[in-house]
PDB file of N, CA and C in Angstrom:
ATOM      1  N   UNK A   1      31.103 -29.355  29.593  1.00  0.00           N
ATOM      2  CA  UNK A   1      30.135 -29.375  28.508  1.00  0.00           C
ATOM      3  C   UNK A   1      30.531 -28.326  27.472  1.00  0.00           C
ATOM      4  N   UNK A   2      30.427 -28.657  26.226  1.00  0.00           N
ATOM      5  CA  UNK A   2      30.849 -27.783  25.135  1.00  0.00           C
ATOM      6  C   UNK A   2      29.663 -26.984  24.615  1.00  0.00           C
ATOM      7  N   UNK A   3      29.947 -25.759  24.194  1.00  0.00           N
ATOM      8  CA  UNK A   3      28.916 -24.919  23.592  1.00  0.00           C
ATOM      9  C   UNK A   3      28.855 -25.080  22.071  1.00  0.00           C
ATOM     10  N   UNK A   4      29.637 -26.027  21.554  1.00  0.00           N
ATOM     11  CA  UNK A   4      29.672 -26.239  20.113  1.00  0.00           C
ATOM     12  C   UNK A   4      28.340 -26.773  19.615  1.00  0.00           C
ATOM     13  N   UNK A   5      27.966 -26.306  18.440  1.00  0.00           N
ATOM     14  CA  UNK A   5      26.760 -26.811  17.790  1.00  0.00           C
ATOM     15  C   UNK A   5      27.193 -27.908  16.842  1.00  0.00           C
ATOM     16  N   UNK A   6      26.553 -29.049  16.948  1.00  0.00           N
ATOM     17  CA  UNK A   6      26.910 -30.177  16.089  1.00  0.00           C
ATOM     18  C   UNK A   6      25.751 -30.518  15.176  1.00  0.00           C
ATOM     19  N   UNK A   7      26.045 -31.307  14.173  1.00  0.00           N
ATOM     20  CA  UNK A   7      24.991 -31.769  13.280  1.00  0.00           C
ATOM     21  C   UNK A   7      23.958 -32.606  14.016  1.00  0.00           C
ATOM     22  N   UNK A   8      24.389 -33.279  15.071  1.00  0.00           N
ATOM     23  CA  UNK A   8      23.462 -34.106  15.838  1.00  0.00           C
ATOM     24  C   UNK A   8      22.343 -33.269  16.442  1.00  0.00           C
ATOM     25  N   UNK A   9      22.663 -32.054  16.908  1.00  0.00           N
ATOM     26  CA  UNK A   9      21.624 -31.211  17.517  1.00  0.00           C
ATOM     27  C   UNK A   9      20.607 -30.758  16.471  1.00  0.00           C
ATOM     28  N   UNK A  10      21.044 -30.579  15.225  1.00  0.00           N
ATOM     29  CA  UNK A  10      20.113 -30.198  14.165  1.00  0.00           C
ATOM     30  C   UNK A  10      19.261 -31.378  13.720  1.00  0.00           C
ATOM     31  N   UNK A  11      19.800 -32.567  13.808  1.00  0.00           N
ATOM     32  CA  UNK A  11      19.051 -33.746  13.400  1.00  0.00           C
ATOM     33  C   UNK A  11      17.869 -34.003  14.318  1.00  0.00           C
ATOM     34  N   UNK A  12      17.973 -33.588  15.584  1.00  0.00           N
ATOM     35  CA  UNK A  12      16.894 -33.794  16.541  1.00  0.00           C
ATOM     36  C   UNK A  12      15.805 -32.728  16.436  1.00  0.00           C
ATOM     37  N   UNK A  13      16.110 -31.632  15.790  1.00  0.00           N
ATOM     38  CA  UNK A  13      15.149 -30.529  15.683  1.00  0.00           C
ATOM     39  C   UNK A  13      14.001 -30.934  14.765  1.00  0.00           C
ATOM     40  N   UNK A  14      12.785 -30.459  15.069  1.00  0.00           N
ATOM     41  CA  UNK A  14      11.655 -30.785  14.192  1.00  0.00           C
ATOM     42  C   UNK A  14      11.853 -30.126  12.825  1.00  0.00           C
ATOM     43  N   UNK A  15      11.487 -30.834  11.804  1.00  0.00           N
ATOM     44  CA  UNK A  15      11.638 -30.320  10.442  1.00  0.00           C
ATOM     45  C   UNK A  15      10.401 -29.534  10.034  1.00  0.00           C
ATOM     46  N   UNK A  16      10.651 -28.382   9.438  1.00  0.00           N
ATOM     47  CA  UNK A  16       9.566 -27.559   8.915  1.00  0.00           C
ATOM     48  C   UNK A  16       9.419 -27.911   7.441  1.00  0.00           C
ATOM     49  N   UNK A  17       8.225 -28.242   7.008  1.00  0.00           N
ATOM     50  CA  UNK A  17       8.068 -28.611   5.599  1.00  0.00           C
ATOM     51  C   UNK A  17       8.345 -27.409   4.688  1.00  0.00           C
ATOM     52  N   UNK A  18       9.049 -27.677   3.615  1.00  0.00           N
ATOM     53  CA  UNK A  18       9.354 -26.624   2.658  1.00  0.00           C
ATOM     54  C   UNK A  18       8.177 -26.440   1.712  1.00  0.00           C
ATOM     55  N   UNK A  19       7.948 -25.201   1.268  1.00  0.00           N
ATOM     56  CA  UNK A  19       6.866 -24.986   0.300  1.00  0.00           C
ATOM     57  C   UNK A  19       7.226 -25.598  -1.050  1.00  0.00           C
ATOM     58  N   UNK A  20       6.224 -25.848  -1.837  1.00  0.00           N
ATOM     59  CA  UNK A  20       6.437 -26.377  -3.180  1.00  0.00           C
ATOM     60  C   UNK A  20       7.250 -25.374  -3.991  1.00  0.00           C
ATOM     61  N   UNK A  21       8.255 -25.831  -4.723  1.00  0.00           N
ATOM     62  CA  UNK A  21       8.988 -24.918  -5.604  1.00  0.00           C
ATOM     63  C   UNK A  21       8.046 -24.394  -6.685  1.00  0.00           C
ATOM     64  N   UNK A  22       8.050 -23.096  -6.880  1.00  0.00           N
ATOM     65  CA  UNK A  22       7.189 -22.498  -7.899  1.00  0.00           C
ATOM     66  C   UNK A  22       7.737 -21.130  -8.286  1.00  0.00           C
ATOM     67  N   UNK A  23       7.254 -20.632  -9.392  1.00  0.00           N
ATOM     68  CA  UNK A  23       7.660 -19.302  -9.830  1.00  0.00           C
ATOM     69  C   UNK A  23       7.168 -18.268  -8.816  1.00  0.00           C
ATOM     70  N   UNK A  24       5.973 -18.441  -8.309  1.00  0.00           N
ATOM     71  CA  UNK A  24       5.426 -17.514  -7.317  1.00  0.00           C
ATOM     72  C   UNK A  24       6.312 -17.464  -6.076  1.00  0.00           C
ATOM     73  N   UNK A  25       6.838 -18.612  -5.664  1.00  0.00           N
ATOM     74  CA  UNK A  25       7.711 -18.637  -4.488  1.00  0.00           C
ATOM     75  C   UNK A  25       9.001 -17.862  -4.748  1.00  0.00           C
ATOM     76  N   UNK A  26       9.539 -17.976  -5.955  1.00  0.00           N
ATOM     77  CA  UNK A  26      10.741 -17.212  -6.305  1.00  0.00           C
ATOM     78  C   UNK A  26      10.449 -15.720  -6.201  1.00  0.00           C
ATOM     79  N   UNK A  27       9.360 -15.277  -6.795  1.00  0.00           N
ATOM     80  CA  UNK A  27       9.007 -13.854  -6.791  1.00  0.00           C
ATOM     81  C   UNK A  27       8.768 -13.367  -5.371  1.00  0.00           C
ATOM     82  N   UNK A  28       7.997 -14.116  -4.595  1.00  0.00           N
ATOM     83  CA  UNK A  28       7.689 -13.688  -3.228  1.00  0.00           C
ATOM     84  C   UNK A  28       8.929 -13.691  -2.337  1.00  0.00           C
ATOM     85  N   UNK A  29       9.837 -14.621  -2.576  1.00  0.00           N
ATOM     86  CA  UNK A  29      11.089 -14.662  -1.812  1.00  0.00           C
ATOM     87  C   UNK A  29      11.948 -13.433  -2.113  1.00  0.00           C
ATOM     88  N   UNK A  30      12.081 -13.119  -3.389  1.00  0.00           N
ATOM     89  CA  UNK A  30      12.874 -11.949  -3.770  1.00  0.00           C
ATOM     90  C   UNK A  30      12.225 -10.662  -3.265  1.00  0.00           C
ATOM     91  N   UNK A  31      10.911 -10.616  -3.320  1.00  0.00           N
ATOM     92  CA  UNK A  31      10.190  -9.429  -2.831  1.00  0.00           C
ATOM     93  C   UNK A  31      10.421  -9.241  -1.337  1.00  0.00           C
ATOM     94  N   UNK A  32      10.331 -10.324  -0.576  1.00  0.00           N
ATOM     95  CA  UNK A  32      10.552 -10.247   0.872  1.00  0.00           C
ATOM     96  C   UNK A  32      11.987  -9.815   1.182  1.00  0.00           C
ATOM     97  N   UNK A  33      12.956 -10.338   0.421  1.00  0.00           N
ATOM     98  CA  UNK A  33      14.343  -9.931   0.613  1.00  0.00           C
ATOM     99  C   UNK A  33      14.494  -8.433   0.388  1.00  0.00           C
ATOM    100  N   UNK A  34      13.889  -7.942  -0.669  1.00  0.00           N
ATOM    101  CA  UNK A  34      13.997  -6.522  -0.994  1.00  0.00           C
ATOM    102  C   UNK A  34      13.313  -5.667   0.076  1.00  0.00           C
ATOM    103  N   UNK A  35      12.177  -6.115   0.569  1.00  0.00           N
ATOM    104  CA  UNK A  35      11.487  -5.371   1.631  1.00  0.00           C
ATOM    105  C   UNK A  35      12.350  -5.299   2.888  1.00  0.00           C
ATOM    106  N   UNK A  36      13.080  -6.361   3.191  1.00  0.00           N
ATOM    107  CA  UNK A  36      14.000  -6.327   4.330  1.00  0.00           C
ATOM    108  C   UNK A  36      15.155  -5.374   4.044  1.00  0.00           C
ATOM    109  N   UNK A  37      15.673  -5.408   2.825  1.00  0.00           N
ATOM    110  CA  UNK A  37      16.777  -4.524   2.455  1.00  0.00           C
ATOM    111  C   UNK A  37      16.356  -3.055   2.511  1.00  0.00           C
ATOM    112  N   UNK A  38      15.096  -2.786   2.233  1.00  0.00           N
ATOM    113  CA  UNK A  38      14.580  -1.419   2.294  1.00  0.00           C
ATOM    114  C   UNK A  38      14.205  -1.009   3.719  1.00  0.00           C
ATOM    115  N   UNK A  39      14.280  -1.946   4.649  1.00  0.00           N
ATOM    116  CA  UNK A  39      13.926  -1.647   6.033  1.00  0.00           C
ATOM    117  C   UNK A  39      12.437  -1.683   6.304  1.00  0.00           C
ATOM    118  N   UNK A  40      11.673  -2.241   5.376  1.00  0.00           N
ATOM    119  CA  UNK A  40      10.217  -2.297   5.533  1.00  0.00           C
ATOM    120  C   UNK A  40       9.773  -3.483   6.380  1.00  0.00           C
ATOM    121  N   UNK A  41      10.601  -4.504   6.425  1.00  0.00           N
ATOM    122  CA  UNK A  41      10.287  -5.713   7.178  1.00  0.00           C
ATOM    123  C   UNK A  41      11.504  -6.016   8.044  1.00  0.00           C
ATOM    124  N   UNK A  42      11.261  -6.146   9.329  1.00  0.00           N
ATOM    125  CA  UNK A  42      12.383  -6.466  10.208  1.00  0.00           C
ATOM    126  C   UNK A  42      11.903  -7.302  11.379  1.00  0.00           C
ATOM    127  N   UNK A  43      12.866  -7.907  12.019  1.00  0.00           N
ATOM    128  CA  UNK A  43      12.588  -8.763  13.164  1.00  0.00           C
ATOM    129  C   UNK A  43      13.370  -8.215  14.336  1.00  0.00           C
ATOM    130  N   UNK A  44      12.804  -8.304  15.498  1.00  0.00           N
ATOM    131  CA  UNK A  44      13.484  -7.788  16.680  1.00  0.00           C
ATOM    132  C   UNK A  44      12.599  -6.780  17.378  1.00  0.00           C
ATOM    133  N   UNK A  45      13.234  -5.892  18.119  1.00  0.00           N
ATOM    134  CA  UNK A  45      12.498  -4.892  18.889  1.00  0.00           C
ATOM    135  C   UNK A  45      11.693  -3.995  17.951  1.00  0.00           C
ATOM    136  N   UNK A  46      10.456  -3.716  18.351  1.00  0.00           N
ATOM    137  CA  UNK A  46       9.556  -2.932  17.509  1.00  0.00           C
ATOM    138  C   UNK A  46      10.037  -1.494  17.338  1.00  0.00           C
ATOM    139  N   UNK A  47      10.770  -0.980  18.316  1.00  0.00           N
ATOM    140  CA  UNK A  47      11.206   0.408  18.237  1.00  0.00           C
ATOM    141  C   UNK A  47      12.515   0.585  17.468  1.00  0.00           C
ATOM    142  N   UNK A  48      13.155  -0.506  17.093  1.00  0.00           N
ATOM    143  CA  UNK A  48      14.402  -0.452  16.339  1.00  0.00           C
ATOM    144  C   UNK A  48      14.111  -0.640  14.852  1.00  0.00           C
ATOM    145  N   UNK A  49      14.242   0.440  14.099  1.00  0.00           N
ATOM    146  CA  UNK A  49      14.041   0.339  12.653  1.00  0.00           C
ATOM    147  C   UNK A  49      15.409   0.193  12.001  1.00  0.00           C
ATOM    148  N   UNK A  50      15.593  -0.872  11.220  1.00  0.00           N
ATOM    149  CA  UNK A  50      16.905  -1.078  10.601  1.00  0.00           C
ATOM    150  C   UNK A  50      17.183  -0.040   9.516  1.00  0.00           C
ATOM    151  N   UNK A  51      18.464   0.223   9.306  1.00  0.00           N
ATOM    152  CA  UNK A  51      18.877   1.119   8.228  1.00  0.00           C
ATOM    153  C   UNK A  51      18.672   0.408   6.894  1.00  0.00           C
ATOM    154  N   UNK A  52      18.081   1.090   5.922  1.00  0.00           N
ATOM    155  CA  UNK A  52      17.931   0.447   4.617  1.00  0.00           C
ATOM    156  C   UNK A  52      19.272   0.323   3.913  1.00  0.00           C
ATOM    157  N   UNK A  53      19.407  -0.727   3.143  1.00  0.00           N
ATOM    158  CA  UNK A  53      20.580  -0.931   2.299  1.00  0.00           C
ATOM    159  C   UNK A  53      20.119  -0.686   0.863  1.00  0.00           C
ATOM    160  N   UNK A  54      20.199   0.570   0.440  1.00  0.00           N
ATOM    161  CA  UNK A  54      19.647   0.960  -0.852  1.00  0.00           C
ATOM    162  C   UNK A  54      20.366   0.304  -2.027  1.00  0.00           C
ATOM    163  N   UNK A  55      21.672   0.128  -1.921  1.00  0.00           N
ATOM    164  CA  UNK A  55      22.410  -0.523  -3.011  1.00  0.00           C
ATOM    165  C   UNK A  55      21.947  -1.963  -3.210  1.00  0.00           C
ATOM    166  N   UNK A  56      21.817  -2.676  -2.122  1.00  0.00           N
ATOM    167  CA  UNK A  56      21.385  -4.073  -2.205  1.00  0.00           C
ATOM    168  C   UNK A  56      19.937  -4.168  -2.664  1.00  0.00           C
ATOM    169  N   UNK A  57      19.086  -3.265  -2.188  1.00  0.00           N
ATOM    170  CA  UNK A  57      17.686  -3.256  -2.611  1.00  0.00           C
ATOM    171  C   UNK A  57      17.590  -2.979  -4.108  1.00  0.00           C
ATOM    172  N   UNK A  58      18.363  -2.017  -4.586  1.00  0.00           N
ATOM    173  CA  UNK A  58      18.356  -1.693  -6.022  1.00  0.00           C
ATOM    174  C   UNK A  58      18.814  -2.899  -6.843  1.00  0.00           C
ATOM    175  N   UNK A  59      19.810  -3.602  -6.345  1.00  0.00           N
ATOM    176  CA  UNK A  59      20.308  -4.798  -7.031  1.00  0.00           C
ATOM    177  C   UNK A  59      19.209  -5.861  -7.123  1.00  0.00           C
ATOM    178  N   UNK A  60      18.486  -6.070  -6.043  1.00  0.00           N
ATOM    179  CA  UNK A  60      17.411  -7.063  -6.041  1.00  0.00           C
ATOM    180  C   UNK A  60      16.294  -6.660  -6.997  1.00  0.00           C
ATOM    181  N   UNK A  61      15.947  -5.380  -7.016  1.00  0.00           N
ATOM    182  CA  UNK A  61      14.918  -4.895  -7.943  1.00  0.00           C
ATOM    183  C   UNK A  61      15.377  -5.096  -9.386  1.00  0.00           C
ATOM    184  N   UNK A  62      16.645  -4.804  -9.660  1.00  0.00           N
ATOM    185  CA  UNK A  62      17.181  -5.007 -11.008  1.00  0.00           C
ATOM    186  C   UNK A  62      17.154  -6.487 -11.404  1.00  0.00           C
ATOM    187  N   UNK A  63      17.466  -7.375 -10.460  1.00  0.00           N
ATOM    188  CA  UNK A  63      17.387  -8.811 -10.741  1.00  0.00           C
ATOM    189  C   UNK A  63      15.955  -9.225 -11.090  1.00  0.00           C
ATOM    190  N   UNK A  64      15.004  -8.687 -10.358  1.00  0.00           N
ATOM    191  CA  UNK A  64      13.603  -9.011 -10.637  1.00  0.00           C
ATOM    192  C   UNK A  64      13.182  -8.465 -11.997  1.00  0.00           C
ATOM    193  N   UNK A  65      13.696  -7.300 -12.379  1.00  0.00           N
ATOM    194  CA  UNK A  65      13.386  -6.733 -13.695  1.00  0.00           C
ATOM    195  C   UNK A  65      13.981  -7.599 -14.807  1.00  0.00           C
ATOM    196  N   UNK A  66      15.183  -8.140 -14.577  1.00  0.00           N
ATOM    197  CA  UNK A  66      15.788  -9.059 -15.547  1.00  0.00           C
ATOM    198  C   UNK A  66      14.927 -10.316 -15.673  1.00  0.00           C
ATOM    199  N   UNK A  67      14.493 -10.839 -14.543  1.00  0.00           N
ATOM    200  CA  UNK A  67      13.618 -12.014 -14.545  1.00  0.00           C
ATOM    201  C   UNK A  67      12.341 -11.714 -15.327  1.00  0.00           C
ATOM    202  N   UNK A  68      11.807 -10.530 -15.139  1.00  0.00           N
ATOM    203  CA  UNK A  68      10.597 -10.119 -15.841  1.00  0.00           C
ATOM    204  C   UNK A  68      10.839 -10.079 -17.356  1.00  0.00           C
ATOM    205  N   UNK A  69      11.954  -9.510 -17.763  1.00  0.00           N
ATOM    206  CA  UNK A  69      12.270  -9.409 -19.195  1.00  0.00           C
ATOM    207  C   UNK A  69      12.523 -10.784 -19.816  1.00  0.00           C
ATOM    208  N   UNK A  70      13.269 -11.623 -19.120  1.00  0.00           N
ATOM    209  CA  UNK A  70      13.661 -12.925 -19.668  1.00  0.00           C
ATOM    210  C   UNK A  70      12.522 -13.943 -19.688  1.00  0.00           C
ATOM    211  N   UNK A  71      11.491 -13.713 -18.891  1.00  0.00           N
ATOM    212  CA  UNK A  71      10.370 -14.660 -18.867  1.00  0.00           C
ATOM    213  C   UNK A  71       9.159 -14.144 -19.640  1.00  0.00           C
ATOM    214  N   UNK A  72       9.311 -13.000 -20.283  1.00  0.00           N
ATOM    215  CA  UNK A  72       8.195 -12.404 -21.030  1.00  0.00           C
ATOM    216  C   UNK A  72       7.649 -13.400 -22.056  1.00  0.00           C
ATOM    217  N   UNK A  73       6.344 -13.606 -22.009  1.00  0.00           N
ATOM    218  CA  UNK A  73       5.696 -14.527 -22.936  1.00  0.00           C
ATOM    219  C   UNK A  73       5.692 -15.979 -22.478  1.00  0.00           C
ATOM    220  N   UNK A  74       6.330 -16.261 -21.347  1.00  0.00           N
ATOM    221  CA  UNK A  74       6.396 -17.644 -20.858  1.00  0.00           C
ATOM    222  C   UNK A  74       5.691 -17.838 -19.519  1.00  0.00           C
ATOM    223  N   UNK A  75       4.996 -16.828 -19.051  1.00  0.00           N
ATOM    224  CA  UNK A  75       4.342 -16.902 -17.737  1.00  0.00           C
ATOM    225  C   UNK A  75       2.832 -16.936 -17.896  1.00  0.00           C
ATOM    226  N   UNK A  76       2.185 -17.498 -16.893  1.00  0.00           N
ATOM    227  CA  UNK A  76       0.731 -17.402 -16.854  1.00  0.00           C
ATOM    228  C   UNK A  76       0.378 -15.949 -16.531  1.00  0.00           C
ATOM    229  N   UNK A  77      -0.840 -15.574 -16.773  1.00  0.00           N
ATOM    230  CA  UNK A  77      -1.276 -14.202 -16.498  1.00  0.00           C
ATOM    231  C   UNK A  77      -1.077 -13.865 -15.020  1.00  0.00           C
ATOM    232  N   UNK A  78      -1.384 -14.809 -14.152  1.00  0.00           N
ATOM    233  CA  UNK A  78      -1.229 -14.601 -12.708  1.00  0.00           C
ATOM    234  C   UNK A  78       0.243 -14.384 -12.336  1.00  0.00           C
ATOM    235  N   UNK A  79       1.129 -15.199 -12.888  1.00  0.00           N
ATOM    236  CA  UNK A  79       2.562 -15.059 -12.602  1.00  0.00           C
ATOM    237  C   UNK A  79       3.097 -13.729 -13.137  1.00  0.00           C
ATOM    238  N   UNK A  80       2.683 -13.378 -14.345  1.00  0.00           N
ATOM    239  CA  UNK A  80       3.116 -12.126 -14.954  1.00  0.00           C
ATOM    240  C   UNK A  80       2.676 -10.930 -14.106  1.00  0.00           C
ATOM    241  N   UNK A  81       1.435 -10.929 -13.686  1.00  0.00           N
ATOM    242  CA  UNK A  81       0.921  -9.815 -12.867  1.00  0.00           C
ATOM    243  C   UNK A  81       1.636  -9.735 -11.521  1.00  0.00           C
ATOM    244  N   UNK A  82       1.890 -10.885 -10.908  1.00  0.00           N
ATOM    245  CA  UNK A  82       2.576 -10.894  -9.623  1.00  0.00           C
ATOM    246  C   UNK A  82       3.968 -10.270  -9.748  1.00  0.00           C
ATOM    247  N   UNK A  83       4.688 -10.652 -10.781  1.00  0.00           N
ATOM    248  CA  UNK A  83       6.032 -10.127 -10.985  1.00  0.00           C
ATOM    249  C   UNK A  83       5.993  -8.641 -11.330  1.00  0.00           C
ATOM    250  N   UNK A  84       5.122  -8.255 -12.251  1.00  0.00           N
ATOM    251  CA  UNK A  84       5.013  -6.844 -12.633  1.00  0.00           C
ATOM    252  C   UNK A  84       4.628  -5.976 -11.441  1.00  0.00           C
ATOM    253  N   UNK A  85       3.623  -6.412 -10.681  1.00  0.00           N
ATOM    254  CA  UNK A  85       3.174  -5.639  -9.519  1.00  0.00           C
ATOM    255  C   UNK A  85       4.275  -5.532  -8.468  1.00  0.00           C
ATOM    256  N   UNK A  86       5.013  -6.617  -8.266  1.00  0.00           N
ATOM    257  CA  UNK A  86       6.086  -6.599  -7.275  1.00  0.00           C
ATOM    258  C   UNK A  86       7.188  -5.626  -7.684  1.00  0.00           C
ATOM    259  N   UNK A  87       7.618  -5.692  -8.936  1.00  0.00           N
ATOM    260  CA  UNK A  87       8.676  -4.800  -9.410  1.00  0.00           C
ATOM    261  C   UNK A  87       8.222  -3.343  -9.322  1.00  0.00           C
ATOM    262  N   UNK A  88       7.001  -3.071  -9.757  1.00  0.00           N
ATOM    263  CA  UNK A  88       6.481  -1.700  -9.728  1.00  0.00           C
ATOM    264  C   UNK A  88       6.400  -1.172  -8.293  1.00  0.00           C
ATOM    265  N   UNK A  89       5.843  -1.970  -7.397  1.00  0.00           N
ATOM    266  CA  UNK A  89       5.709  -1.526  -6.017  1.00  0.00           C
ATOM    267  C   UNK A  89       7.068  -1.345  -5.349  1.00  0.00           C
ATOM    268  N   UNK A  90       7.989  -2.254  -5.585  1.00  0.00           N
ATOM    269  CA  UNK A  90       9.315  -2.128  -4.980  1.00  0.00           C
ATOM    270  C   UNK A  90      10.063  -0.927  -5.522  1.00  0.00           C
ATOM    271  N   UNK A  91       9.908  -0.608  -6.790  1.00  0.00           N
ATOM    272  CA  UNK A  91      10.528   0.606  -7.343  1.00  0.00           C
ATOM    273  C   UNK A  91       9.954   1.846  -6.671  1.00  0.00           C
ATOM    274  N   UNK A  92       8.647   1.867  -6.494  1.00  0.00           N
ATOM    275  CA  UNK A  92       7.993   2.993  -5.826  1.00  0.00           C
ATOM    276  C   UNK A  92       8.499   3.134  -4.389  1.00  0.00           C
ATOM    277  N   UNK A  93       8.557   2.030  -3.662  1.00  0.00           N
ATOM    278  CA  UNK A  93       9.045   2.052  -2.279  1.00  0.00           C
ATOM    279  C   UNK A  93      10.513   2.480  -2.218  1.00  0.00           C
ATOM    280  N   UNK A  94      11.305   2.040  -3.187  1.00  0.00           N
ATOM    281  CA  UNK A  94      12.714   2.406  -3.245  1.00  0.00           C
ATOM    282  C   UNK A  94      12.855   3.924  -3.358  1.00  0.00           C
ATOM    283  N   UNK A  95      12.067   4.540  -4.247  1.00  0.00           N
ATOM    284  CA  UNK A  95      12.117   6.000  -4.417  1.00  0.00           C
ATOM    285  C   UNK A  95      11.694   6.693  -3.128  1.00  0.00           C
ATOM    286  N   UNK A  96      10.619   6.222  -2.506  1.00  0.00           N
ATOM    287  CA  UNK A  96      10.160   6.814  -1.239  1.00  0.00           C
ATOM    288  C   UNK A  96      11.247   6.761  -0.178  1.00  0.00           C
ATOM    289  N   UNK A  97      11.836   5.620   0.007  1.00  0.00           N
ATOM    290  CA  UNK A  97      12.832   5.433   1.063  1.00  0.00           C
ATOM    291  C   UNK A  97      14.115   6.190   0.732  1.00  0.00           C
ATOM    292  N   UNK A  98      14.485   6.249  -0.544  1.00  0.00           N
ATOM    293  CA  UNK A  98      15.646   7.039  -0.950  1.00  0.00           C
ATOM    294  C   UNK A  98      15.442   8.506  -0.583  1.00  0.00           C
ATOM    295  N   UNK A  99      14.241   9.018  -0.833  1.00  0.00           N
ATOM    296  CA  UNK A  99      13.923  10.408  -0.465  1.00  0.00           C
ATOM    297  C   UNK A  99      13.990  10.607   1.049  1.00  0.00           C
ATOM    298  N   UNK A 100      13.463   9.645   1.813  1.00  0.00           N
ATOM    299  CA  UNK A 100      13.504   9.747   3.278  1.00  0.00           C
ATOM    300  C   UNK A 100      14.947   9.750   3.782  1.00  0.00           C
ATOM    301  N   UNK A 101      15.773   8.900   3.215  1.00  0.00           N
ATOM    302  CA  UNK A 101      17.179   8.828   3.624  1.00  0.00           C
ATOM    303  C   UNK A 101      17.895  10.140   3.293  1.00  0.00           C
ATOM    304  N   UNK A 102      17.612  10.683   2.111  1.00  0.00           N
ATOM    305  CA  UNK A 102      18.248  11.950   1.710  1.00  0.00           C
ATOM    306  C   UNK A 102      17.804  13.089   2.615  1.00  0.00           C
ATOM    307  N   UNK A 103      16.522  13.142   2.967  1.00  0.00           N
ATOM    308  CA  UNK A 103      16.031  14.194   3.862  1.00  0.00           C
ATOM    309  C   UNK A 103      16.647  14.064   5.243  1.00  0.00           C
ATOM    310  N   UNK A 104      16.753  12.843   5.736  1.00  0.00           N
ATOM    311  CA  UNK A 104      17.356  12.620   7.063  1.00  0.00           C
ATOM    312  C   UNK A 104      18.818  13.028   7.050  1.00  0.00           C
ATOM    313  N   UNK A 105      19.523  12.744   5.969  1.00  0.00           N
ATOM    314  CA  UNK A 105      20.939  13.124   5.865  1.00  0.00           C
ATOM    315  C   UNK A 105      21.086  14.637   5.799  1.00  0.00           C
ATOM    316  N   UNK A 106      20.185  15.302   5.106  1.00  0.00           N
ATOM    317  CA  UNK A 106      20.227  16.766   4.997  1.00  0.00           C
ATOM    318  C   UNK A 106      19.955  17.433   6.345  1.00  0.00           C
ATOM    319  N   UNK A 107      19.098  16.843   7.152  1.00  0.00           N
ATOM    320  CA  UNK A 107      18.785  17.404   8.472  1.00  0.00           C
ATOM    321  C   UNK A 107      19.946  17.267   9.446  1.00  0.00           C
ATOM    322  N   UNK A 108      20.771  16.239   9.256  1.00  0.00           N
ATOM    323  CA  UNK A 108      21.915  16.024  10.146  1.00  0.00           C
ATOM    324  C   UNK A 108      23.025  17.033   9.900  1.00  0.00           C
ATOM    325  N   UNK A 109      23.043  17.597   8.699  1.00  0.00           N
ATOM    326  CA  UNK A 109      24.111  18.532   8.338  1.00  0.00           C
ATOM    327  C   UNK A 109      23.849  19.898   8.871  1.00  0.00           C
TER     328      UNK A 109
END
């Protein structure tokens, strides 16, 4: 018996319905990615906290800021607030985690 994964095994798996494509889904997806990159959201053992990837998190925040600038005046009030609040909160969390990483590095020396 082979341990290879084939397309046939995926075809038998139950399908999970995808959410409706929307601007809110884009924002929430990017926010969740950034939270994982910052180490705020992780899967696995509860006692294992992943190392944050600050460069990647900063890149994601910058992408969201570009999205915010390029969509200015074209969003509903709800969409605009969601994006603004997400960017602001992620920037704040980025600064907090950057400080924590710097303090931890200083203690190791």
